Amino acid sequence: MLDLARGVAVAGRGGRRETYVPVHSRLVETPGDARALVAAYHDALGCDECYVADLDALAGGAVQRDVLGELAGLGGRLLVDAAVATPARAHELLADGVHRAVVGLETLPSFDALAALIHTVGPDRVIFSLDLSGGQPLGPSGKGKAAADLARTATAAGASALLVLDLARVGGAQSVDVMLLDALRRAHPDVELLAGGGVATVRQLQQLADVGLDGVLVGTALHNGSLSPADLVAVRRRAQSRDSR
């Protein structure tokens, strides 16, 4: 997981983006070096996908297309949230080498827009991000609604991949809402299910693997060394063992 602001990788904590500073990571020498971090995720940690939040775009600014294009060429598949709400923006990202466009609830104007985007781009190139803060859905399309209902609406609109991301937990160690994820896994067994926000220990990763998640976003625990490359290998083996049953 990587938060990108003005071309710099920043350390996210609690969703308070105005306080984010260049990330200091054990994986790279220079604080905030986004390119070195993405390369390290792929080469040193064996991660074949990297989620990137374009904080400039999420704040209403321009998409960091040049930087994203460079990151997309470093190996692995890039999943990018850049306030995607139209087919045109999704196509721009895909043309720059991004593997899948992340459509976040935080910036989604309506689920009709999600359906139109998926219809145009294709469900395999889109991830719907169920953006939460302290368990409460964000954005105009999520206000006052239950997370499970929003997931159901997204899949009805054509989403084949769901990311549950609680911004209030980012940078901490509380981990994600396992009960919610377990309910979503049972309700949508054929949907790709990802999650992020506060995942910091091997035990938490193992628990999520046992729930049946297809992927987990991790950032801070990799930077501070709480999770090692050996830990990631062990969790991947656990998940593969589960899938082979």
C-alpha atoms as a PDB file:
ATOM      1  CA  MET A   1       0.000   0.000   0.000  1.00  0.00           C
ATOM      2  CA  LEU A   2       1.303   3.431  -0.927  1.00  0.00           C
ATOM      3  CA  ASP A   3      -0.136   6.918  -0.425  1.00  0.00           C
ATOM      4  CA  LEU A   4       1.195   9.335  -3.026  1.00  0.00           C
ATOM      5  CA  ALA A   5       1.183  13.138  -2.628  1.00  0.00           C
ATOM      6  CA  ARG A   6       2.982  15.430  -5.087  1.00  0.00           C
ATOM      7  CA  GLY A   7       5.063  12.507  -6.265  1.00  0.00           C
ATOM      8  CA  VAL A   8       6.190  11.555  -2.753  1.00  0.00           C
ATOM      9  CA  ALA A   9       5.233   8.447  -0.772  1.00  0.00           C
ATOM     10  CA  VAL A  10       3.726   9.641   2.499  1.00  0.00           C
ATOM     11  CA  ALA A  11       2.883   7.898   5.758  1.00  0.00           C
ATOM     12  CA  GLY A  12      -0.868   7.616   6.218  1.00  0.00           C
ATOM     13  CA  ARG A  13      -2.400   7.634   9.672  1.00  0.00           C
ATOM     14  CA  GLY A  14      -6.055   7.801  10.613  1.00  0.00           C
ATOM     15  CA  GLY A  15      -7.147   9.290   7.289  1.00  0.00           C
ATOM     16  CA  ARG A  16      -5.942  12.763   8.351  1.00  0.00           C
ATOM     17  CA  ARG A  17      -4.263  13.473   5.043  1.00  0.00           C
ATOM     18  CA  GLU A  18      -3.225  17.021   5.899  1.00  0.00           C
ATOM     19  CA  THR A  19      -0.828  15.569   8.505  1.00  0.00           C
ATOM     20  CA  TYR A  20       0.859  13.012   6.228  1.00  0.00           C
ATOM     21  CA  VAL A  21       4.653  13.331   5.897  1.00  0.00           C
ATOM     22  CA  PRO A  22       7.200  11.479   3.728  1.00  0.00           C
ATOM     23  CA  VAL A  23       7.332   7.867   4.837  1.00  0.00           C
ATOM     24  CA  HIS A  24      10.456   6.526   6.533  1.00  0.00           C
ATOM     25  CA  SER A  25      10.767   2.875   5.608  1.00  0.00           C
ATOM     26  CA  ARG A  26      13.220   0.082   6.357  1.00  0.00           C
ATOM     27  CA  LEU A  27      12.760  -0.985   2.759  1.00  0.00           C
ATOM     28  CA  VAL A  28      14.436   2.053   1.144  1.00  0.00           C
ATOM     29  CA  GLU A  29      17.167   4.568   1.970  1.00  0.00           C
ATOM     30  CA  THR A  30      15.434   7.819   1.018  1.00  0.00           C
ATOM     31  CA  PRO A  31      12.259   8.891   2.864  1.00  0.00           C
ATOM     32  CA  GLY A  32       9.317   9.283   0.524  1.00  0.00           C
ATOM     33  CA  ASP A  33      10.931   7.555  -2.472  1.00  0.00           C
ATOM     34  CA  ALA A  34       7.829   6.139  -4.149  1.00  0.00           C
ATOM     35  CA  ARG A  35       9.691   4.479  -6.991  1.00  0.00           C
ATOM     36  CA  ALA A  36      12.114   2.663  -4.681  1.00  0.00           C
ATOM     37  CA  LEU A  37       9.242   1.526  -2.455  1.00  0.00           C
ATOM     38  CA  VAL A  38       7.209   0.045  -5.303  1.00  0.00           C
ATOM     39  CA  ALA A  39      10.323  -1.731  -6.577  1.00  0.00           C
ATOM     40  CA  ALA A  40      11.013  -3.077  -3.070  1.00  0.00           C
ATOM     41  CA  TYR A  41       7.447  -4.318  -2.678  1.00  0.00           C
ATOM     42  CA  HIS A  42       7.892  -6.335  -5.861  1.00  0.00           C
ATOM     43  CA  ASP A  43      11.535  -7.404  -5.696  1.00  0.00           C
ATOM     44  CA  ALA A  44      12.199  -7.765  -1.951  1.00  0.00           C
ATOM     45  CA  LEU A  45       8.756  -8.756  -0.686  1.00  0.00           C
ATOM     46  CA  GLY A  46       7.427 -10.694  -3.666  1.00  0.00           C
ATOM     47  CA  CYS A  47       4.215  -8.672  -3.897  1.00  0.00           C
ATOM     48  CA  ASP A  48       2.646  -8.952  -7.343  1.00  0.00           C
ATOM     49  CA  GLU A  49       0.160  -6.115  -6.763  1.00  0.00           C
ATOM     50  CA  CYS A  50       0.512  -2.655  -5.230  1.00  0.00           C
ATOM     51  CA  TYR A  51      -2.358  -0.378  -4.220  1.00  0.00           C
ATOM     52  CA  VAL A  52      -1.677   3.336  -4.701  1.00  0.00           C
ATOM     53  CA  ALA A  53      -3.869   6.177  -3.452  1.00  0.00           C
ATOM     54  CA  ASP A  54      -3.306   9.347  -5.487  1.00  0.00           C
ATOM     55  CA  LEU A  55      -3.939  11.871  -2.726  1.00  0.00           C
ATOM     56  CA  ASP A  56      -3.639  14.808  -5.128  1.00  0.00           C
ATOM     57  CA  ALA A  57      -6.508  13.479  -7.232  1.00  0.00           C
ATOM     58  CA  LEU A  58      -8.554  12.535  -4.154  1.00  0.00           C
ATOM     59  CA  ALA A  59      -8.244  16.138  -2.964  1.00  0.00           C
ATOM     60  CA  GLY A  60      -9.645  17.414  -6.260  1.00  0.00           C
ATOM     61  CA  GLY A  61      -6.350  18.044  -8.041  1.00  0.00           C
ATOM     62  CA  ALA A  62      -4.838  16.550 -11.164  1.00  0.00           C
ATOM     63  CA  VAL A  63      -4.019  12.862 -11.414  1.00  0.00           C
ATOM     64  CA  GLN A  64      -0.271  12.232 -11.030  1.00  0.00           C
ATOM     65  CA  ARG A  65      -0.161  10.481 -14.376  1.00  0.00           C
ATOM     66  CA  ASP A  66       3.583  10.769 -15.017  1.00  0.00           C
ATOM     67  CA  VAL A  67       4.494   9.296 -11.642  1.00  0.00           C
ATOM     68  CA  LEU A  68       1.849   6.585 -11.839  1.00  0.00           C
ATOM     69  CA  GLY A  69       3.074   5.622 -15.286  1.00  0.00           C
ATOM     70  CA  GLU A  70       6.615   5.242 -13.946  1.00  0.00           C
ATOM     71  CA  LEU A  71       5.424   3.159 -10.993  1.00  0.00           C
ATOM     72  CA  ALA A  72       3.405   0.922 -13.306  1.00  0.00           C
ATOM     73  CA  GLY A  73       6.570   0.052 -15.200  1.00  0.00           C
ATOM     74  CA  LEU A  74       8.525  -1.147 -12.169  1.00  0.00           C
ATOM     75  CA  GLY A  75       7.061  -4.641 -12.019  1.00  0.00           C
ATOM     76  CA  GLY A  76       3.861  -6.065 -10.658  1.00  0.00           C
ATOM     77  CA  ARG A  77       0.324  -4.810 -11.127  1.00  0.00           C
ATOM     78  CA  LEU A  78      -0.728  -1.367  -9.962  1.00  0.00           C
ATOM     79  CA  LEU A  79      -4.178  -0.770  -8.434  1.00  0.00           C
ATOM     80  CA  VAL A  80      -4.876   2.963  -8.292  1.00  0.00           C
ATOM     81  CA  ASP A  81      -7.476   5.072  -6.518  1.00  0.00           C
ATOM     82  CA  ALA A  82      -7.392   8.472  -8.207  1.00  0.00           C
ATOM     83  CA  ALA A  83     -10.960   9.711  -7.653  1.00  0.00           C
ATOM     84  CA  VAL A  84     -12.159   7.551 -10.531  1.00  0.00           C
ATOM     85  CA  ALA A  85     -15.824   8.249 -11.241  1.00  0.00           C
ATOM     86  CA  THR A  86     -16.003   8.246 -15.045  1.00  0.00           C
ATOM     87  CA  PRO A  87     -14.956   5.854 -17.820  1.00  0.00           C
ATOM     88  CA  ALA A  88     -12.667   8.553 -19.211  1.00  0.00           C
ATOM     89  CA  ARG A  89     -10.548   8.752 -16.061  1.00  0.00           C
ATOM     90  CA  ALA A  90     -10.409   4.974 -15.778  1.00  0.00           C
ATOM     91  CA  HIS A  91      -9.263   4.686 -19.398  1.00  0.00           C
ATOM     92  CA  GLU A  92      -6.536   7.293 -18.753  1.00  0.00           C
ATOM     93  CA  LEU A  93      -5.130   5.264 -15.884  1.00  0.00           C
ATOM     94  CA  LEU A  94      -5.271   2.015 -17.821  1.00  0.00           C
ATOM     95  CA  ALA A  95      -3.567   3.654 -20.786  1.00  0.00           C
ATOM     96  CA  ASP A  96      -0.737   4.722 -18.456  1.00  0.00           C
ATOM     97  CA  GLY A  97      -0.121   1.108 -17.471  1.00  0.00           C
ATOM     98  CA  VAL A  98      -2.281   0.845 -14.347  1.00  0.00           C
ATOM     99  CA  HIS A  99      -3.678  -2.680 -14.100  1.00  0.00           C
ATOM    100  CA  ARG A 100      -6.956  -1.876 -12.330  1.00  0.00           C
ATOM    101  CA  ALA A 101      -8.764   1.347 -11.477  1.00  0.00           C
ATOM    102  CA  VAL A 102     -10.082   1.608  -7.925  1.00  0.00           C
ATOM    103  CA  VAL A 103     -13.468   3.341  -7.687  1.00  0.00           C
ATOM    104  CA  GLY A 104     -13.783   4.665  -4.150  1.00  0.00           C
ATOM    105  CA  LEU A 105     -17.043   5.230  -2.325  1.00  0.00           C
ATOM    106  CA  GLU A 106     -15.520   8.419  -0.934  1.00  0.00           C
ATOM    107  CA  THR A 107     -15.586  10.100  -4.363  1.00  0.00           C
ATOM    108  CA  LEU A 108     -18.348   8.134  -6.133  1.00  0.00           C
ATOM    109  CA  PRO A 109     -21.273  10.376  -7.157  1.00  0.00           C
ATOM    110  CA  SER A 110     -23.723   7.492  -7.598  1.00  0.00           C
ATOM    111  CA  PHE A 111     -23.944   3.758  -8.156  1.00  0.00           C
ATOM    112  CA  ASP A 112     -25.330   4.480 -11.616  1.00  0.00           C
ATOM    113  CA  ALA A 113     -21.930   6.013 -12.356  1.00  0.00           C
ATOM    114  CA  LEU A 114     -20.252   2.849 -11.066  1.00  0.00           C
ATOM    115  CA  ALA A 115     -22.447   0.668 -13.297  1.00  0.00           C
ATOM    116  CA  ALA A 116     -21.692   2.820 -16.356  1.00  0.00           C
ATOM    117  CA  LEU A 117     -17.969   2.742 -15.637  1.00  0.00           C
ATOM    118  CA  ILE A 118     -17.884  -1.049 -15.193  1.00  0.00           C
ATOM    119  CA  HIS A 119     -19.969  -1.546 -18.334  1.00  0.00           C
ATOM    120  CA  THR A 120     -17.541   0.561 -20.364  1.00  0.00           C
ATOM    121  CA  VAL A 121     -14.212  -0.541 -18.892  1.00  0.00           C
ATOM    122  CA  GLY A 122     -15.060  -4.102 -17.913  1.00  0.00           C
ATOM    123  CA  PRO A 123     -15.404  -5.640 -14.447  1.00  0.00           C
ATOM    124  CA  ASP A 124     -11.939  -7.211 -14.537  1.00  0.00           C
ATOM    125  CA  ARG A 125     -10.290  -3.781 -14.660  1.00  0.00           C
ATOM    126  CA  VAL A 126     -12.259  -2.207 -11.788  1.00  0.00           C
ATOM    127  CA  ILE A 127     -12.222  -2.576  -8.005  1.00  0.00           C
ATOM    128  CA  PHE A 128     -14.943  -0.996  -5.893  1.00  0.00           C
ATOM    129  CA  SER A 129     -13.531   0.407  -2.655  1.00  0.00           C
ATOM    130  CA  LEU A 130     -15.972   0.419   0.254  1.00  0.00           C
ATOM    131  CA  ASP A 131     -14.421   3.425   2.010  1.00  0.00           C
ATOM    132  CA  LEU A 132     -15.124   3.659   5.734  1.00  0.00           C
ATOM    133  CA  SER A 133     -14.027   5.769   8.678  1.00  0.00           C
ATOM    134  CA  GLY A 134     -14.483   4.106  12.023  1.00  0.00           C
ATOM    135  CA  GLY A 135     -16.840   1.650  10.367  1.00  0.00           C
ATOM    136  CA  GLN A 136     -19.045   4.363   8.860  1.00  0.00           C
ATOM    137  CA  PRO A 137     -19.330   4.643   5.059  1.00  0.00           C
ATOM    138  CA  LEU A 138     -17.866   7.764   3.461  1.00  0.00           C
ATOM    139  CA  GLY A 139     -18.981   9.934   0.562  1.00  0.00           C
ATOM    140  CA  PRO A 140     -22.318  11.145  -0.783  1.00  0.00           C
ATOM    141  CA  SER A 141     -23.324   7.689  -1.981  1.00  0.00           C
ATOM    142  CA  GLY A 142     -22.567   6.066   1.351  1.00  0.00           C
ATOM    143  CA  LYS A 143     -24.054   8.467   3.859  1.00  0.00           C
ATOM    144  CA  GLY A 144     -26.489   6.831   6.262  1.00  0.00           C
ATOM    145  CA  LYS A 145     -26.207   3.381   4.665  1.00  0.00           C
ATOM    146  CA  ALA A 146     -24.922   0.079   6.015  1.00  0.00           C
ATOM    147  CA  ALA A 147     -21.661  -1.304   4.669  1.00  0.00           C
ATOM    148  CA  ALA A 148     -23.242  -4.656   3.783  1.00  0.00           C
ATOM    149  CA  ASP A 149     -26.005  -2.927   1.803  1.00  0.00           C
ATOM    150  CA  LEU A 150     -23.455  -0.848  -0.093  1.00  0.00           C
ATOM    151  CA  ALA A 151     -21.467  -3.950  -0.985  1.00  0.00           C
ATOM    152  CA  ARG A 152     -24.639  -5.565  -2.272  1.00  0.00           C
ATOM    153  CA  THR A 153     -25.453  -2.485  -4.365  1.00  0.00           C
ATOM    154  CA  ALA A 154     -21.928  -2.425  -5.806  1.00  0.00           C
ATOM    155  CA  THR A 155     -22.042  -6.074  -6.868  1.00  0.00           C
ATOM    156  CA  ALA A 156     -25.473  -5.502  -8.403  1.00  0.00           C
ATOM    157  CA  ALA A 157     -23.863  -2.681 -10.409  1.00  0.00           C
ATOM    158  CA  GLY A 158     -21.362  -5.189 -11.779  1.00  0.00           C
ATOM    159  CA  ALA A 159     -18.437  -5.014  -9.349  1.00  0.00           C
ATOM    160  CA  SER A 160     -16.506  -8.287  -9.261  1.00  0.00           C
ATOM    161  CA  ALA A 161     -13.921  -7.072  -6.732  1.00  0.00           C
ATOM    162  CA  LEU A 162     -14.520  -5.346  -3.384  1.00  0.00           C
ATOM    163  CA  LEU A 163     -11.955  -3.565  -1.242  1.00  0.00           C
ATOM    164  CA  VAL A 164     -12.981  -2.743   2.334  1.00  0.00           C
ATOM    165  CA  LEU A 165     -10.780   0.144   3.501  1.00  0.00           C
ATOM    166  CA  ASP A 166     -11.235   1.818   6.884  1.00  0.00           C
ATOM    167  CA  LEU A 167      -9.248   5.062   6.728  1.00  0.00           C
ATOM    168  CA  ALA A 168      -9.510   5.687  10.477  1.00  0.00           C
ATOM    169  CA  ARG A 169      -7.517   2.492  11.099  1.00  0.00           C
ATOM    170  CA  VAL A 170      -4.744   3.235   8.584  1.00  0.00           C
ATOM    171  CA  GLY A 171      -1.350   3.499  10.271  1.00  0.00           C
ATOM    172  CA  GLY A 172      -2.515   1.852  13.483  1.00  0.00           C
ATOM    173  CA  ALA A 173      -2.618  -1.726  14.694  1.00  0.00           C
ATOM    174  CA  GLN A 174      -6.331  -2.274  15.282  1.00  0.00           C
ATOM    175  CA  SER A 175      -6.730  -4.221  12.035  1.00  0.00           C
ATOM    176  CA  VAL A 176      -9.871  -4.405   9.944  1.00  0.00           C
ATOM    177  CA  ASP A 177     -13.374  -5.444  10.970  1.00  0.00           C
ATOM    178  CA  VAL A 178     -13.163  -9.230  10.722  1.00  0.00           C
ATOM    179  CA  MET A 179     -16.870  -9.723  11.447  1.00  0.00           C
ATOM    180  CA  LEU A 180     -17.824  -7.456   8.544  1.00  0.00           C
ATOM    181  CA  LEU A 181     -15.381  -9.184   6.220  1.00  0.00           C
ATOM    182  CA  ASP A 182     -16.606 -12.623   7.232  1.00  0.00           C
ATOM    183  CA  ALA A 183     -20.193 -11.540   6.520  1.00  0.00           C
ATOM    184  CA  LEU A 184     -19.192 -10.119   3.124  1.00  0.00           C
ATOM    185  CA  ARG A 185     -17.265 -13.276   2.242  1.00  0.00           C
ATOM    186  CA  ARG A 186     -20.330 -15.404   3.021  1.00  0.00           C
ATOM    187  CA  ALA A 187     -22.700 -13.073   1.167  1.00  0.00           C
ATOM    188  CA  HIS A 188     -20.470 -12.759  -1.914  1.00  0.00           C
ATOM    189  CA  PRO A 189     -18.467 -16.003  -2.233  1.00  0.00           C
ATOM    190  CA  ASP A 190     -17.599 -15.414  -5.885  1.00  0.00           C
ATOM    191  CA  VAL A 191     -16.414 -11.811  -5.504  1.00  0.00           C
ATOM    192  CA  GLU A 192     -12.732 -10.962  -5.044  1.00  0.00           C
ATOM    193  CA  LEU A 193     -12.476  -9.560  -1.516  1.00  0.00           C
ATOM    194  CA  LEU A 194      -9.646  -7.303  -0.323  1.00  0.00           C
ATOM    195  CA  ALA A 195      -9.226  -5.252   2.843  1.00  0.00           C
ATOM    196  CA  GLY A 196      -6.957  -2.677   4.428  1.00  0.00           C
ATOM    197  CA  GLY A 197      -6.543  -0.424   7.417  1.00  0.00           C
ATOM    198  CA  GLY A 198      -4.391  -1.145  10.455  1.00  0.00           C
ATOM    199  CA  VAL A 199      -3.171  -4.646   9.590  1.00  0.00           C
ATOM    200  CA  ALA A 200       0.056  -4.941  11.579  1.00  0.00           C
ATOM    201  CA  THR A 201       0.779  -8.500  12.722  1.00  0.00           C
ATOM    202  CA  VAL A 202       1.179 -12.003  11.356  1.00  0.00           C
ATOM    203  CA  ARG A 203      -1.729 -13.150  13.503  1.00  0.00           C
ATOM    204  CA  GLN A 204      -4.016 -10.557  11.919  1.00  0.00           C
ATOM    205  CA  LEU A 205      -2.945 -11.610   8.426  1.00  0.00           C
ATOM    206  CA  GLN A 206      -3.529 -15.268   9.272  1.00  0.00           C
ATOM    207  CA  GLN A 207      -6.984 -14.467  10.610  1.00  0.00           C
ATOM    208  CA  LEU A 208      -7.877 -12.664   7.394  1.00  0.00           C
ATOM    209  CA  ALA A 209      -6.527 -15.531   5.322  1.00  0.00           C
ATOM    210  CA  ASP A 210      -8.740 -17.910   7.295  1.00  0.00           C
ATOM    211  CA  VAL A 211     -11.773 -15.695   6.649  1.00  0.00           C
ATOM    212  CA  GLY A 212     -11.089 -16.150   2.951  1.00  0.00           C
ATOM    213  CA  LEU A 213      -9.745 -12.785   1.838  1.00  0.00           C
ATOM    214  CA  ASP A 214      -8.005 -12.672  -1.521  1.00  0.00           C
ATOM    215  CA  GLY A 215      -5.642  -9.879  -0.543  1.00  0.00           C
ATOM    216  CA  VAL A 216      -4.726  -7.427   2.225  1.00  0.00           C
ATOM    217  CA  LEU A 217      -3.285  -3.912   2.017  1.00  0.00           C
ATOM    218  CA  VAL A 218      -0.293  -3.431   4.306  1.00  0.00           C
ATOM    219  CA  GLY A 219       1.932  -0.374   4.625  1.00  0.00           C
ATOM    220  CA  THR A 220       3.098   0.790   8.047  1.00  0.00           C
ATOM    221  CA  ALA A 221       3.955  -2.698   9.328  1.00  0.00           C
ATOM    222  CA  LEU A 222       6.279  -3.213   6.369  1.00  0.00           C
ATOM    223  CA  HIS A 223       7.961   0.143   6.857  1.00  0.00           C
ATOM    224  CA  ASN A 224       8.643  -0.304  10.588  1.00  0.00           C
ATOM    225  CA  GLY A 225       9.572  -3.977  10.346  1.00  0.00           C
ATOM    226  CA  SER A 226       6.627  -5.399  12.274  1.00  0.00           C
ATOM    227  CA  LEU A 227       6.078  -7.693   9.298  1.00  0.00           C
ATOM    228  CA  SER A 228       9.054  -9.332   7.602  1.00  0.00           C
ATOM    229  CA  PRO A 229       9.387 -10.977   4.184  1.00  0.00           C
ATOM    230  CA  ALA A 230       9.366 -14.364   5.971  1.00  0.00           C
ATOM    231  CA  ASP A 231       6.055 -13.461   7.611  1.00  0.00           C
ATOM    232  CA  LEU A 232       4.496 -12.724   4.239  1.00  0.00           C
ATOM    233  CA  VAL A 233       5.732 -16.026   2.825  1.00  0.00           C
ATOM    234  CA  ALA A 234       4.225 -17.922   5.770  1.00  0.00           C
ATOM    235  CA  VAL A 235       0.841 -16.232   5.357  1.00  0.00           C
ATOM    236  CA  ARG A 236       0.801 -16.870   1.606  1.00  0.00           C
ATOM    237  CA  ARG A 237       1.436 -20.563   2.253  1.00  0.00           C
ATOM    238  CA  ARG A 238      -1.398 -20.636   4.779  1.00  0.00           C
ATOM    239  CA  ALA A 239      -3.770 -19.061   2.257  1.00  0.00           C
ATOM    240  CA  GLN A 240      -2.672 -21.479  -0.491  1.00  0.00           C
ATOM    241  CA  SER A 241      -3.229 -24.408   1.853  1.00  0.00           C
ATOM    242  CA  ARG A 242      -6.734 -23.155   2.609  1.00  0.00           C
ATOM    243  CA  ASP A 243      -7.543 -22.734  -1.087  1.00  0.00           C
ATOM    244  CA  SER A 244      -6.378 -26.261  -1.920  1.00  0.00           C
ATOM    245  CA  ARG A 245      -8.794 -27.917   0.500  1.00  0.00           C
END
